[in-house]
C-alpha atoms as a PDB file:
ATOM      1  CA  MET A   1      52.424 236.618  77.873  1.00  0.00           C
ATOM      2  CA  GLY A   2      53.726 233.149  78.539  1.00  0.00           C
ATOM      3  CA  CYS A   3      51.983 231.112  80.968  1.00  0.00           C
ATOM      4  CA  VAL A   4      53.905 230.024  84.083  1.00  0.00           C
ATOM      5  CA  SER A   5      53.047 226.892  85.500  1.00  0.00           C
ATOM      6  CA  ALA A   6      53.383 227.229  89.385  1.00  0.00           C
ATOM      7  CA  VAL A   7      54.720 223.977  91.668  1.00  0.00           C
ATOM      8  CA  PRO A   8      52.559 223.580  94.761  1.00  0.00           C
ATOM      9  CA  VAL A   9      54.669 223.867  97.750  1.00  0.00           C
ATOM     10  CA  PRO A  10      54.210 220.896 100.018  1.00  0.00           C
ATOM     11  CA  GLN A  11      52.290 221.285 103.247  1.00  0.00           C
ATOM     12  CA  PRO A  12      53.573 219.264 106.287  1.00  0.00           C
ATOM     13  CA  ARG A  13      51.349 216.413 107.628  1.00  0.00           C
ATOM     14  CA  ALA A  14      50.839 215.229 111.220  1.00  0.00           C
ATOM     15  CA  GLY A  15      52.131 211.854 109.894  1.00  0.00           C
ATOM     16  CA  ALA A  16      55.502 213.381 109.006  1.00  0.00           C
ATOM     17  CA  GLN A  17      55.953 215.376 112.107  1.00  0.00           C
ATOM     18  CA  ALA A  18      54.837 212.211 114.250  1.00  0.00           C
ATOM     19  CA  GLY A  19      57.480 210.324 112.438  1.00  0.00           C
ATOM     20  CA  ALA A  20      59.849 212.790 112.872  1.00  0.00           C
ATOM     21  CA  ALA A  21      59.289 213.368 116.625  1.00  0.00           C
ATOM     22  CA  ALA A  22      59.623 209.252 116.639  1.00  0.00           C
ATOM     23  CA  SER A  23      62.930 209.251 114.910  1.00  0.00           C
ATOM     24  CA  ALA A  24      64.467 211.952 117.441  1.00  0.00           C
ATOM     25  CA  ALA A  25      63.340 209.838 120.236  1.00  0.00           C
ATOM     26  CA  GLY A  26      64.799 206.544 119.018  1.00  0.00           C
ATOM     27  CA  ALA A  27      68.176 208.275 118.150  1.00  0.00           C
ATOM     28  CA  ALA A  28      68.023 210.106 122.219  1.00  0.00           C
ATOM     29  CA  THR A  29      66.951 206.341 123.776  1.00  0.00           C
ATOM     30  CA  GLY A  30      69.996 205.167 121.498  1.00  0.00           C
ATOM     31  CA  ARG A  31      72.369 207.329 122.520  1.00  0.00           C
ATOM     32  CA  ARG A  32      71.273 207.074 126.145  1.00  0.00           C
ATOM     33  CA  THR A  33      71.686 202.973 126.338  1.00  0.00           C
ATOM     34  CA  LEU A  34      74.753 203.371 124.297  1.00  0.00           C
ATOM     35  CA  ALA A  35      76.162 205.349 126.865  1.00  0.00           C
ATOM     36  CA  ALA A  36      74.979 202.996 129.916  1.00  0.00           C
ATOM     37  CA  ALA A  37      75.937 200.003 128.086  1.00  0.00           C
ATOM     38  CA  LEU A  38      79.683 200.986 127.470  1.00  0.00           C
ATOM     39  CA  LEU A  39      79.665 202.104 131.140  1.00  0.00           C
ATOM     40  CA  LEU A  40      78.458 198.822 132.456  1.00  0.00           C
ATOM     41  CA  GLY A  41      80.303 196.853 130.504  1.00  0.00           C
ATOM     42  CA  ALA A  42      83.636 198.419 130.751  1.00  0.00           C
ATOM     43  CA  ALA A  43      82.965 198.911 134.553  1.00  0.00           C
ATOM     44  CA  GLY A  44      81.938 195.311 135.055  1.00  0.00           C
ATOM     45  CA  ALA A  45      85.417 193.474 133.121  1.00  0.00           C
ATOM     46  CA  THR A  46      87.466 195.842 135.069  1.00  0.00           C
ATOM     47  CA  VAL A  47      86.217 194.832 138.581  1.00  0.00           C
ATOM     48  CA  ALA A  48      85.944 191.640 137.480  1.00  0.00           C
ATOM     49  CA  LEU A  49      89.474 191.437 136.701  1.00  0.00           C
ATOM     50  CA  LEU A  50      90.747 193.261 139.277  1.00  0.00           C
ATOM     51  CA  ALA A  51      88.590 191.263 142.282  1.00  0.00           C
ATOM     52  CA  SER A  52      89.672 187.978 141.031  1.00  0.00           C
ATOM     53  CA  GLY A  53      92.991 188.463 141.804  1.00  0.00           C
ATOM     54  CA  ARG A  54      92.075 189.612 145.395  1.00  0.00           C
ATOM     55  CA  THR A  55      92.172 187.134 148.305  1.00  0.00           C
ATOM     56  CA  TRP A  56      88.856 184.986 148.413  1.00  0.00           C
ATOM     57  CA  ALA A  57      89.270 182.318 151.205  1.00  0.00           C
ATOM     58  CA  GLU A  58      91.549 182.293 153.974  1.00  0.00           C
ATOM     59  CA  GLY A  59      92.001 179.279 156.568  1.00  0.00           C
ATOM     60  CA  THR A  60      94.468 177.697 158.814  1.00  0.00           C
ATOM     61  CA  ALA A  61      96.225 173.983 158.635  1.00  0.00           C
ATOM     62  CA  ARG A  62      97.634 172.035 161.204  1.00  0.00           C
ATOM     63  CA  ALA A  63     101.428 171.454 160.561  1.00  0.00           C
ATOM     64  CA  PRO A  64     103.743 169.761 162.790  1.00  0.00           C
ATOM     65  CA  GLY A  65     105.508 173.398 163.888  1.00  0.00           C
ATOM     66  CA  GLY A  66     101.508 174.672 164.607  1.00  0.00           C
ATOM     67  CA  ALA A  67      98.925 176.234 162.795  1.00  0.00           C
ATOM     68  CA  LEU A  68      99.647 177.419 159.363  1.00  0.00           C
ATOM     69  CA  SER A  69      97.622 180.162 158.216  1.00  0.00           C
ATOM     70  CA  LEU A  70      96.986 180.188 154.152  1.00  0.00           C
ATOM     71  CA  SER A  71      94.762 182.170 151.676  1.00  0.00           C
ATOM     72  CA  ALA A  72      93.696 181.666 148.279  1.00  0.00           C
ATOM     73  CA  GLU A  73      92.990 184.175 145.464  1.00  0.00           C
ATOM     74  CA  GLY A  74      90.152 184.114 142.909  1.00  0.00           C
ATOM     75  CA  GLY A  75      91.968 183.078 140.402  1.00  0.00           C
ATOM     76  CA  ASP A  76      93.189 180.288 142.773  1.00  0.00           C
ATOM     77  CA  ILE A  77      89.551 179.204 142.972  1.00  0.00           C
ATOM     78  CA  THR A  78      88.681 179.381 139.491  1.00  0.00           C
ATOM     79  CA  GLY A  79      89.658 181.287 136.475  1.00  0.00           C
ATOM     80  CA  VAL A  80      86.134 181.265 135.089  1.00  0.00           C
ATOM     81  CA  PRO A  81      85.180 185.128 135.951  1.00  0.00           C
ATOM     82  CA  SER A  82      88.364 186.524 134.844  1.00  0.00           C
ATOM     83  CA  ALA A  83      88.263 184.609 131.509  1.00  0.00           C
ATOM     84  CA  LEU A  84      84.509 185.301 130.912  1.00  0.00           C
ATOM     85  CA  ALA A  85      85.183 189.186 131.859  1.00  0.00           C
ATOM     86  CA  VAL A  86      87.870 189.365 128.856  1.00  0.00           C
ATOM     87  CA  VAL A  87      85.349 187.758 126.376  1.00  0.00           C
ATOM     88  CA  GLY A  88      82.741 190.065 127.414  1.00  0.00           C
ATOM     89  CA  LEU A  89      84.966 193.239 127.231  1.00  0.00           C
ATOM     90  CA  ALA A  90      86.098 191.857 123.554  1.00  0.00           C
ATOM     91  CA  ALA A  91      81.815 191.129 122.754  1.00  0.00           C
ATOM     92  CA  LEU A  92      81.648 194.740 123.677  1.00  0.00           C
ATOM     93  CA  VAL A  93      83.892 196.166 121.397  1.00  0.00           C
ATOM     94  CA  ALA A  94      82.592 193.610 118.649  1.00  0.00           C
ATOM     95  CA  VAL A  95      79.048 195.145 118.755  1.00  0.00           C
ATOM     96  CA  PHE A  96      79.916 198.284 117.165  1.00  0.00           C
ATOM     97  CA  ALA A  97      82.040 196.205 114.417  1.00  0.00           C
ATOM     98  CA  VAL A  98      78.661 194.335 113.000  1.00  0.00           C
ATOM     99  CA  ARG A  99      74.996 194.704 112.038  1.00  0.00           C
ATOM    100  CA  GLY A 100      71.874 193.029 112.242  1.00  0.00           C
ATOM    101  CA  LYS A 101      72.024 189.624 113.046  1.00  0.00           C
ATOM    102  CA  GLY A 102      75.333 189.718 113.919  1.00  0.00           C
ATOM    103  CA  ARG A 103      75.054 192.213 116.677  1.00  0.00           C
ATOM    104  CA  LYS A 104      72.482 189.976 118.185  1.00  0.00           C
ATOM    105  CA  THR A 105      74.965 187.314 118.088  1.00  0.00           C
ATOM    106  CA  VAL A 106      77.559 189.468 119.450  1.00  0.00           C
ATOM    107  CA  SER A 107      75.042 191.044 122.085  1.00  0.00           C
ATOM    108  CA  ALA A 108      74.051 187.599 123.195  1.00  0.00           C
ATOM    109  CA  LEU A 109      77.691 186.829 123.901  1.00  0.00           C
ATOM    110  CA  LEU A 110      77.758 189.513 126.249  1.00  0.00           C
ATOM    111  CA  THR A 111      75.037 188.424 128.383  1.00  0.00           C
ATOM    112  CA  LEU A 112      75.923 184.563 128.305  1.00  0.00           C
ATOM    113  CA  SER A 113      79.718 186.113 129.284  1.00  0.00           C
ATOM    114  CA  GLY A 114      78.923 188.463 132.000  1.00  0.00           C
ATOM    115  CA  ALA A 115      76.104 185.783 133.617  1.00  0.00           C
ATOM    116  CA  GLY A 116      78.570 183.235 133.203  1.00  0.00           C
ATOM    117  CA  ALA A 117      81.177 185.286 135.163  1.00  0.00           C
ATOM    118  CA  ALA A 118      78.428 186.008 138.083  1.00  0.00           C
ATOM    119  CA  LEU A 119      77.719 182.260 138.430  1.00  0.00           C
ATOM    120  CA  ALA A 120      81.062 181.214 138.756  1.00  0.00           C
ATOM    121  CA  ALA A 121      82.081 183.971 141.371  1.00  0.00           C
ATOM    122  CA  PHE A 122      78.626 182.688 143.337  1.00  0.00           C
ATOM    123  CA  LEU A 123      80.025 179.222 143.271  1.00  0.00           C
ATOM    124  CA  GLY A 124      83.493 180.379 144.078  1.00  0.00           C
ATOM    125  CA  ALA A 125      82.395 181.898 147.187  1.00  0.00           C
ATOM    126  CA  SER A 126      82.086 178.621 149.164  1.00  0.00           C
ATOM    127  CA  ASP A 127      84.768 176.876 147.877  1.00  0.00           C
ATOM    128  CA  ARG A 128      87.120 174.906 150.291  1.00  0.00           C
ATOM    129  CA  ASP A 129      89.025 172.810 147.552  1.00  0.00           C
ATOM    130  CA  ALA A 130      91.876 175.287 146.343  1.00  0.00           C
ATOM    131  CA  LEU A 131      92.815 175.593 150.305  1.00  0.00           C
ATOM    132  CA  ASP A 132      92.839 171.912 150.906  1.00  0.00           C
ATOM    133  CA  GLU A 133      95.141 171.506 147.845  1.00  0.00           C
ATOM    134  CA  LYS A 134      97.167 174.055 149.343  1.00  0.00           C
ATOM    135  CA  ALA A 135      97.308 172.852 152.745  1.00  0.00           C
ATOM    136  CA  ALA A 136      97.949 169.249 151.433  1.00  0.00           C
ATOM    137  CA  GLU A 137     101.100 170.558 149.275  1.00  0.00           C
ATOM    138  CA  THR A 138     102.323 173.185 152.404  1.00  0.00           C
ATOM    139  CA  THR A 139     102.257 170.279 154.991  1.00  0.00           C
ATOM    140  CA  GLY A 140     103.148 167.233 152.957  1.00  0.00           C
ATOM    141  CA  ASP A 141     100.311 165.584 153.990  1.00  0.00           C
ATOM    142  CA  THR A 142      97.750 164.161 151.366  1.00  0.00           C
ATOM    143  CA  ALA A 143      94.987 164.240 154.092  1.00  0.00           C
ATOM    144  CA  ALA A 144      95.801 167.976 155.416  1.00  0.00           C
ATOM    145  CA  VAL A 145      92.877 169.912 155.412  1.00  0.00           C
ATOM    146  CA  ILE A 146      91.739 173.474 156.175  1.00  0.00           C
ATOM    147  CA  ASP A 147      90.411 174.072 159.751  1.00  0.00           C
ATOM    148  CA  SER A 148      88.969 177.212 160.138  1.00  0.00           C
ATOM    149  CA  LEU A 149      87.596 178.555 156.697  1.00  0.00           C
ATOM    150  CA  SER A 150      86.131 182.221 156.065  1.00  0.00           C
ATOM    151  CA  HIS A 151      85.650 184.106 152.730  1.00  0.00           C
ATOM    152  CA  THR A 152      86.319 187.541 151.559  1.00  0.00           C
ATOM    153  CA  PRO A 153      83.496 189.867 150.150  1.00  0.00           C
ATOM    154  CA  TRP A 154      85.832 189.573 147.057  1.00  0.00           C
ATOM    155  CA  PRO A 155      83.823 186.723 145.284  1.00  0.00           C
ATOM    156  CA  TYR A 156      80.533 188.474 145.811  1.00  0.00           C
ATOM    157  CA  VAL A 157      82.268 191.730 144.285  1.00  0.00           C
ATOM    158  CA  THR A 158      83.531 189.784 141.048  1.00  0.00           C
ATOM    159  CA  ALA A 159      79.835 188.277 140.769  1.00  0.00           C
ATOM    160  CA  ALA A 160      77.923 191.837 141.031  1.00  0.00           C
ATOM    161  CA  ALA A 161      80.644 192.907 137.961  1.00  0.00           C
ATOM    162  CA  GLY A 162      79.487 189.868 136.051  1.00  0.00           C
ATOM    163  CA  VAL A 163      76.067 191.169 136.429  1.00  0.00           C
ATOM    164  CA  LEU A 164      77.058 194.731 135.267  1.00  0.00           C
ATOM    165  CA  ILE A 165      78.505 193.244 132.293  1.00  0.00           C
ATOM    166  CA  MET A 166      75.280 191.045 131.628  1.00  0.00           C
ATOM    167  CA  ALA A 167      73.506 194.011 132.023  1.00  0.00           C
ATOM    168  CA  ALA A 168      75.491 195.780 129.165  1.00  0.00           C
ATOM    169  CA  GLY A 169      74.513 192.852 127.150  1.00  0.00           C
ATOM    170  CA  VAL A 170      71.086 193.043 127.875  1.00  0.00           C
ATOM    171  CA  LEU A 171      70.775 196.592 126.816  1.00  0.00           C
ATOM    172  CA  ALA A 172      72.923 195.301 123.375  1.00  0.00           C
ATOM    173  CA  LEU A 173      70.362 193.127 122.674  1.00  0.00           C
ATOM    174  CA  ARG A 174      67.364 195.446 123.189  1.00  0.00           C
ATOM    175  CA  TYR A 175      68.629 198.617 121.764  1.00  0.00           C
ATOM    176  CA  GLY A 176      71.249 197.721 119.405  1.00  0.00           C
ATOM    177  CA  ALA A 177      69.608 198.348 116.761  1.00  0.00           C
ATOM    178  CA  LEU A 178      69.568 201.852 117.472  1.00  0.00           C
ATOM    179  CA  TRP A 179      73.129 202.219 117.686  1.00  0.00           C
ATOM    180  CA  PRO A 180      75.768 203.377 115.095  1.00  0.00           C
ATOM    181  CA  ALA A 181      77.962 201.072 113.345  1.00  0.00           C
ATOM    182  CA  MET A 182      82.081 201.257 113.327  1.00  0.00           C
ATOM    183  CA  SER A 183      82.126 200.972 109.687  1.00  0.00           C
ATOM    184  CA  GLY A 184      80.106 203.592 109.247  1.00  0.00           C
ATOM    185  CA  ARG A 185      82.621 206.001 110.444  1.00  0.00           C
ATOM    186  CA  TYR A 186      85.173 204.679 108.306  1.00  0.00           C
ATOM    187  CA  GLU A 187      83.856 205.024 104.711  1.00  0.00           C
ATOM    188  CA  ARG A 188      86.167 206.983 102.122  1.00  0.00           C
ATOM    189  CA  PRO A 189      85.797 211.160 102.886  1.00  0.00           C
ATOM    190  CA  GLY A 190      85.347 211.500  98.822  1.00  0.00           C
ATOM    191  CA  ALA A 191      82.775 208.738  98.446  1.00  0.00           C
ATOM    192  CA  ALA A 192      79.867 210.540  97.385  1.00  0.00           C
ATOM    193  CA  ARG A 193      76.295 209.172  98.775  1.00  0.00           C
ATOM    194  CA  ARG A 194      73.720 209.171  96.262  1.00  0.00           C
ATOM    195  CA  ALA A 195      70.562 211.191  97.353  1.00  0.00           C
ATOM    196  CA  PRO A 196      67.323 208.954  98.255  1.00  0.00           C
ATOM    197  CA  ALA A 197      64.354 209.125  95.438  1.00  0.00           C
ATOM    198  CA  VAL A 198      61.952 211.725  95.932  1.00  0.00           C
ATOM    199  CA  ASP A 199      58.166 210.438  95.941  1.00  0.00           C
ATOM    200  CA  PRO A 200      56.110 212.992  94.950  1.00  0.00           C
ATOM    201  CA  ASP A 201      53.429 211.438  96.668  1.00  0.00           C
ATOM    202  CA  ARG A 202      54.735 211.993 100.119  1.00  0.00           C
ATOM    203  CA  PRO A 203      54.933 215.538 101.168  1.00  0.00           C
ATOM    204  CA  GLU A 204      57.674 214.794 103.635  1.00  0.00           C
ATOM    205  CA  ASP A 205      60.010 213.389 101.001  1.00  0.00           C
ATOM    206  CA  LEU A 206      59.639 216.591  99.037  1.00  0.00           C
ATOM    207  CA  TRP A 207      60.567 218.840 102.249  1.00  0.00           C
ATOM    208  CA  LYS A 208      63.996 217.071 102.594  1.00  0.00           C
ATOM    209  CA  ALA A 209      64.515 217.785  98.713  1.00  0.00           C
ATOM    210  CA  LEU A 210      64.111 221.072  99.101  1.00  0.00           C
ATOM    211  CA  ASP A 211      66.002 221.167 102.409  1.00  0.00           C
ATOM    212  CA  ARG A 212      69.095 219.482 100.587  1.00  0.00           C
ATOM    213  CA  GLY A 213      68.762 222.672  98.102  1.00  0.00           C
ATOM    214  CA  GLU A 214      67.006 220.119  95.327  1.00  0.00           C
ATOM    215  CA  ASP A 215      64.294 220.356  92.790  1.00  0.00           C
ATOM    216  CA  PRO A 216      61.928 217.929  93.907  1.00  0.00           C
ATOM    217  CA  THR A 217      60.355 218.088  90.660  1.00  0.00           C
ATOM    218  CA  ASP A 218      63.747 217.590  88.571  1.00  0.00           C
ATOM    219  CA  GLY A 219      64.041 213.373  88.054  1.00  0.00           C
ATOM    220  CA  ASP A 220      64.555 211.864  90.821  1.00  0.00           C
ATOM    221  CA  GLY A 221      65.962 214.368  93.270  1.00  0.00           C
ATOM    222  CA  GLY A 222      69.065 213.033  93.494  1.00  0.00           C
ATOM    223  CA  PRO A 223      72.603 214.879  92.408  1.00  0.00           C
ATOM    224  CA  ASP A 224      73.579 212.130  89.602  1.00  0.00           C
ATOM    225  CA  ALA A 225      69.902 212.320  87.963  1.00  0.00           C
ATOM    226  CA  PRO A 226      70.157 213.494  84.445  1.00  0.00           C
ATOM    227  CA  HIS A 227      68.950 216.776  84.080  1.00  0.00           C
ATOM    228  CA  ARG A 228      65.376 216.991  82.253  1.00  0.00           C
ATOM    229  CA  PRO A 229      64.898 220.218  79.599  1.00  0.00           C
ATOM    230  CA  GLU A 230      62.533 222.372  80.159  1.00  0.00           C
ATOM    231  CA  ALA A 231      59.077 221.956  78.380  1.00  0.00           C
ATOM    232  CA  PRO A 232      58.674 225.166  75.958  1.00  0.00           C
ATOM    233  CA  ARG A 233      56.763 227.762  77.117  1.00  0.00           C
ATOM    234  CA  GLY A 234      53.786 228.731  75.519  1.00  0.00           C
ATOM    235  CA  GLY A 235      53.605 232.224  73.904  1.00  0.00           C
ATOM    236  CA  ALA A 236      50.970 235.029  74.062  1.00  0.00           C
END
């Protein structure tokens, strides 16, 4: 009878199982942080844009006909928060279009956009120049100033929205390497992917090849690998 050589079945090792568990944990962390960053960034940019159009400051100015009530919106005091909110929203989308160092750079831009918006809104919460200018224009007196000045909570709401954008940037800096890239989703449907080479000294590679329906002892284990002719079997 001919001699038939048996291929030893690789046995899983603790290291391979630990690696698979770590990979699964990393993927789960990536999904959670991705969802959190999208929620924080989108919510922060939306709130910042809306709050910048609200009334930030109110006051009265002396006029020949009596006291005149005036108000200033966030855009009248500073346009920085709304502009940086748009930049942050664009950076949040751009994070998924780049990889590696490019993703780190865009994530840093997202973080700085949120920090700048928060700082500008916080400083605008005590501003009175915008209302003084309105008082001078309305009364025609360049020396006119606001007598009783009060600020609404909207500057602080805008500052909090900037913090949300900054938090999204921090998540992108810390966990962005675990997130998918947009370019990976738009590959040509017919483009065939070459299977990775199989290292016969690594049991986990042999198991993965078997799961793909490949013969790990045949060439490099890939679908495009040339088929090796079988060795002649010895006769009895």
